[in-house]
Amino acid sequence: MATERKVWTPNEKQKMFIETLKVLGTATFRVIKDYIFNNYGETIATGSINVLTTKQMVSSREETFDVETTTIYHYPTGDLVETKASKKKEKVYFLSSEEPKEVKKASKTKKVVEEEEIDDLDLVDTTE
């Protein structure tokens, strides 16, 4: 009796993640999480999408962003607003099929030296 193999398919949250990337293109997890909550009313965690990278449906890379963080301090005498600019390194996600060409790594090529080329070289004896 042959054993039937179960074919993997994305669950509902993974489908939402993929659909979100179709709309957003490349985005940080925070942006994707916010989009899913606002459009589907669902919360999502990174653990639920790890398999999408394993299955090579989604890729990621590190990018550095200029960000502003605003903090509001509520005091009895009034509010104080502080804004700080900084750089933040975050992982961005994108559909593997949509990976920009300039991001893909070039493959290494190996030069093969023919025996005739070796025979033509001037060999110098460095031993004394």
C-alpha atoms as a PDB file:
ATOM      1  CA  MET A   1       0.000   0.000   0.000  1.00  0.00           C
ATOM      2  CA  ALA A   2       1.494   3.334  -1.049  1.00  0.00           C
ATOM      3  CA  THR A   3       1.771   6.131   1.477  1.00  0.00           C
ATOM      4  CA  GLU A   4       0.122   9.372   0.403  1.00  0.00           C
ATOM      5  CA  ARG A   5       2.185  12.506   0.964  1.00  0.00           C
ATOM      6  CA  LYS A   6       0.339  15.548   2.159  1.00  0.00           C
ATOM      7  CA  VAL A   7       1.002  18.631   0.025  1.00  0.00           C
ATOM      8  CA  TRP A   8       1.844  21.733   2.041  1.00  0.00           C
ATOM      9  CA  THR A   9      -0.309  24.813   1.519  1.00  0.00           C
ATOM     10  CA  PRO A  10      -0.110  28.164   3.325  1.00  0.00           C
ATOM     11  CA  ASN A  11      -2.516  28.707   6.225  1.00  0.00           C
ATOM     12  CA  GLU A  12      -4.836  31.746   6.377  1.00  0.00           C
ATOM     13  CA  LYS A  13      -2.311  34.079   8.060  1.00  0.00           C
ATOM     14  CA  GLN A  14       0.412  33.054   5.624  1.00  0.00           C
ATOM     15  CA  LYS A  15      -1.975  33.761   2.737  1.00  0.00           C
ATOM     16  CA  MET A  16      -2.674  37.219   4.229  1.00  0.00           C
ATOM     17  CA  PHE A  17       1.074  37.845   4.453  1.00  0.00           C
ATOM     18  CA  ILE A  18       1.565  36.891   0.783  1.00  0.00           C
ATOM     19  CA  GLU A  19      -1.417  39.007  -0.333  1.00  0.00           C
ATOM     20  CA  THR A  20      -0.044  41.952   1.656  1.00  0.00           C
ATOM     21  CA  LEU A  21       3.329  41.659  -0.076  1.00  0.00           C
ATOM     22  CA  LYS A  22       1.542  41.632  -3.438  1.00  0.00           C
ATOM     23  CA  VAL A  23       0.125  45.051  -2.495  1.00  0.00           C
ATOM     24  CA  LEU A  24       3.097  46.570  -0.634  1.00  0.00           C
ATOM     25  CA  GLY A  25       5.989  45.021  -2.546  1.00  0.00           C
ATOM     26  CA  THR A  26       8.875  45.301  -0.075  1.00  0.00           C
ATOM     27  CA  ALA A  27       8.054  46.162   3.538  1.00  0.00           C
ATOM     28  CA  THR A  28       9.240  45.750   7.103  1.00  0.00           C
ATOM     29  CA  PHE A  29       7.430  43.331   9.385  1.00  0.00           C
ATOM     30  CA  ARG A  30       5.983  46.267  11.361  1.00  0.00           C
ATOM     31  CA  VAL A  31       4.407  47.724   8.217  1.00  0.00           C
ATOM     32  CA  ILE A  32       3.099  44.321   7.111  1.00  0.00           C
ATOM     33  CA  LYS A  33       1.707  43.595  10.586  1.00  0.00           C
ATOM     34  CA  ASP A  34      -0.063  46.979  10.634  1.00  0.00           C
ATOM     35  CA  TYR A  35      -1.483  46.441   7.129  1.00  0.00           C
ATOM     36  CA  ILE A  36      -2.828  42.983   8.045  1.00  0.00           C
ATOM     37  CA  PHE A  37      -4.452  44.310  11.214  1.00  0.00           C
ATOM     38  CA  ASN A  38      -6.050  47.285   9.417  1.00  0.00           C
ATOM     39  CA  ASN A  39      -7.235  45.285   6.388  1.00  0.00           C
ATOM     40  CA  TYR A  40      -7.995  41.838   7.803  1.00  0.00           C
ATOM     41  CA  GLY A  41      -8.507  42.554  11.508  1.00  0.00           C
ATOM     42  CA  GLU A  42      -5.908  39.888  12.345  1.00  0.00           C
ATOM     43  CA  THR A  43      -2.643  39.951  14.262  1.00  0.00           C
ATOM     44  CA  ILE A  44       0.391  38.116  12.949  1.00  0.00           C
ATOM     45  CA  ALA A  45       3.716  37.030  14.450  1.00  0.00           C
ATOM     46  CA  THR A  46       7.019  36.316  12.703  1.00  0.00           C
ATOM     47  CA  GLY A  47       6.801  32.651  13.720  1.00  0.00           C
ATOM     48  CA  SER A  48       3.791  32.146  11.494  1.00  0.00           C
ATOM     49  CA  ILE A  49       5.640  33.329   8.388  1.00  0.00           C
ATOM     50  CA  ASN A  50       9.041  31.654   8.866  1.00  0.00           C
ATOM     51  CA  VAL A  51       7.909  28.673   6.792  1.00  0.00           C
ATOM     52  CA  LEU A  52       7.274  31.022   3.845  1.00  0.00           C
ATOM     53  CA  THR A  53      11.006  31.789   3.725  1.00  0.00           C
ATOM     54  CA  THR A  54      11.853  28.104   4.188  1.00  0.00           C
ATOM     55  CA  LYS A  55       9.575  27.250   1.257  1.00  0.00           C
ATOM     56  CA  GLN A  56      11.267  30.097  -0.691  1.00  0.00           C
ATOM     57  CA  MET A  57       7.985  31.898  -1.301  1.00  0.00           C
ATOM     58  CA  VAL A  58       9.159  34.972   0.624  1.00  0.00           C
ATOM     59  CA  SER A  59      12.668  36.415   0.877  1.00  0.00           C
ATOM     60  CA  SER A  60      14.153  39.004   3.197  1.00  0.00           C
ATOM     61  CA  ARG A  61      17.177  41.257   3.520  1.00  0.00           C
ATOM     62  CA  GLU A  62      18.485  43.836   5.995  1.00  0.00           C
ATOM     63  CA  GLU A  63      17.975  47.522   5.189  1.00  0.00           C
ATOM     64  CA  THR A  64      18.810  50.680   7.094  1.00  0.00           C
ATOM     65  CA  PHE A  65      16.174  53.397   7.438  1.00  0.00           C
ATOM     66  CA  ASP A  66      16.151  56.989   8.659  1.00  0.00           C
ATOM     67  CA  VAL A  67      13.462  57.018  11.340  1.00  0.00           C
ATOM     68  CA  GLU A  68      11.932  59.563  13.696  1.00  0.00           C
ATOM     69  CA  THR A  69      10.700  58.513  17.108  1.00  0.00           C
ATOM     70  CA  THR A  70       8.250  60.803  18.859  1.00  0.00           C
ATOM     71  CA  THR A  71       7.644  60.439  22.570  1.00  0.00           C
ATOM     72  CA  ILE A  72       4.889  62.330  24.383  1.00  0.00           C
ATOM     73  CA  TYR A  73       5.358  62.895  28.112  1.00  0.00           C
ATOM     74  CA  HIS A  74       2.116  63.720  29.924  1.00  0.00           C
ATOM     75  CA  TYR A  75       2.851  65.939  32.953  1.00  0.00           C
ATOM     76  CA  PRO A  76       0.313  67.573  35.268  1.00  0.00           C
ATOM     77  CA  THR A  77       1.410  70.929  33.843  1.00  0.00           C
ATOM     78  CA  GLY A  78       1.073  69.854  30.206  1.00  0.00           C
ATOM     79  CA  ASP A  79       2.500  67.611  27.547  1.00  0.00           C
ATOM     80  CA  LEU A  80       6.091  67.554  26.383  1.00  0.00           C
ATOM     81  CA  VAL A  81       6.778  66.175  22.899  1.00  0.00           C
ATOM     82  CA  GLU A  82      10.257  64.913  22.004  1.00  0.00           C
ATOM     83  CA  THR A  83      11.257  63.782  18.511  1.00  0.00           C
ATOM     84  CA  LYS A  84      14.545  62.031  17.850  1.00  0.00           C
ATOM     85  CA  ALA A  85      16.032  61.110  14.477  1.00  0.00           C
ATOM     86  CA  SER A  86      18.049  57.920  14.142  1.00  0.00           C
ATOM     87  CA  LYS A  87      18.959  55.109  11.796  1.00  0.00           C
ATOM     88  CA  LYS A  88      17.332  51.738  12.254  1.00  0.00           C
ATOM     89  CA  LYS A  89      18.346  48.444  10.654  1.00  0.00           C
ATOM     90  CA  GLU A  90      15.376  46.186   9.966  1.00  0.00           C
ATOM     91  CA  LYS A  91      14.581  43.135   7.925  1.00  0.00           C
ATOM     92  CA  VAL A  92      12.364  43.763   4.909  1.00  0.00           C
ATOM     93  CA  TYR A  93      10.284  41.059   3.275  1.00  0.00           C
ATOM     94  CA  PHE A  94       9.296  40.602  -0.377  1.00  0.00           C
ATOM     95  CA  LEU A  95       7.937  37.843  -2.568  1.00  0.00           C
ATOM     96  CA  SER A  96      10.828  35.714  -3.801  1.00  0.00           C
ATOM     97  CA  SER A  97       9.566  36.033  -7.377  1.00  0.00           C
ATOM     98  CA  GLU A  98       9.706  39.846  -7.026  1.00  0.00           C
ATOM     99  CA  GLU A  99      13.331  40.111  -5.868  1.00  0.00           C
ATOM    100  CA  PRO A 100      14.948  43.142  -7.516  1.00  0.00           C
ATOM    101  CA  LYS A 101      17.685  42.183  -9.999  1.00  0.00           C
ATOM    102  CA  GLU A 102      20.390  44.282  -8.318  1.00  0.00           C
ATOM    103  CA  VAL A 103      19.913  42.423  -5.032  1.00  0.00           C
ATOM    104  CA  LYS A 104      20.553  38.962  -6.454  1.00  0.00           C
ATOM    105  CA  LYS A 105      24.106  37.796  -5.868  1.00  0.00           C
ATOM    106  CA  ALA A 106      26.263  37.104  -8.861  1.00  0.00           C
ATOM    107  CA  SER A 107      27.414  33.531  -9.223  1.00  0.00           C
ATOM    108  CA  LYS A 108      31.113  32.834  -8.994  1.00  0.00           C
ATOM    109  CA  THR A 109      32.857  31.440 -12.030  1.00  0.00           C
ATOM    110  CA  LYS A 110      36.029  29.422 -11.927  1.00  0.00           C
ATOM    111  CA  LYS A 111      38.659  29.829 -14.613  1.00  0.00           C
ATOM    112  CA  VAL A 112      39.957  26.558 -15.918  1.00  0.00           C
ATOM    113  CA  VAL A 113      43.588  26.695 -17.028  1.00  0.00           C
ATOM    114  CA  GLU A 114      44.346  24.396 -19.925  1.00  0.00           C
ATOM    115  CA  GLU A 115      47.516  22.279 -19.816  1.00  0.00           C
ATOM    116  CA  GLU A 116      48.870  24.067 -22.905  1.00  0.00           C
ATOM    117  CA  GLU A 117      48.696  27.397 -21.026  1.00  0.00           C
ATOM    118  CA  ILE A 118      50.699  25.903 -18.158  1.00  0.00           C
ATOM    119  CA  ASP A 119      53.367  24.617 -20.592  1.00  0.00           C
ATOM    120  CA  ASP A 120      53.670  28.128 -22.087  1.00  0.00           C
ATOM    121  CA  LEU A 121      54.383  29.756 -18.709  1.00  0.00           C
ATOM    122  CA  ASP A 122      57.971  30.711 -17.898  1.00  0.00           C
ATOM    123  CA  LEU A 123      58.715  28.892 -14.704  1.00  0.00           C
ATOM    124  CA  VAL A 124      61.361  30.424 -12.460  1.00  0.00           C
ATOM    125  CA  ASP A 125      63.308  28.310  -9.955  1.00  0.00           C
ATOM    126  CA  THR A 126      63.225  30.160  -6.623  1.00  0.00           C
ATOM    127  CA  THR A 127      65.142  27.541  -4.644  1.00  0.00           C
ATOM    128  CA  GLU A 128      68.787  28.179  -3.868  1.00  0.00           C
END
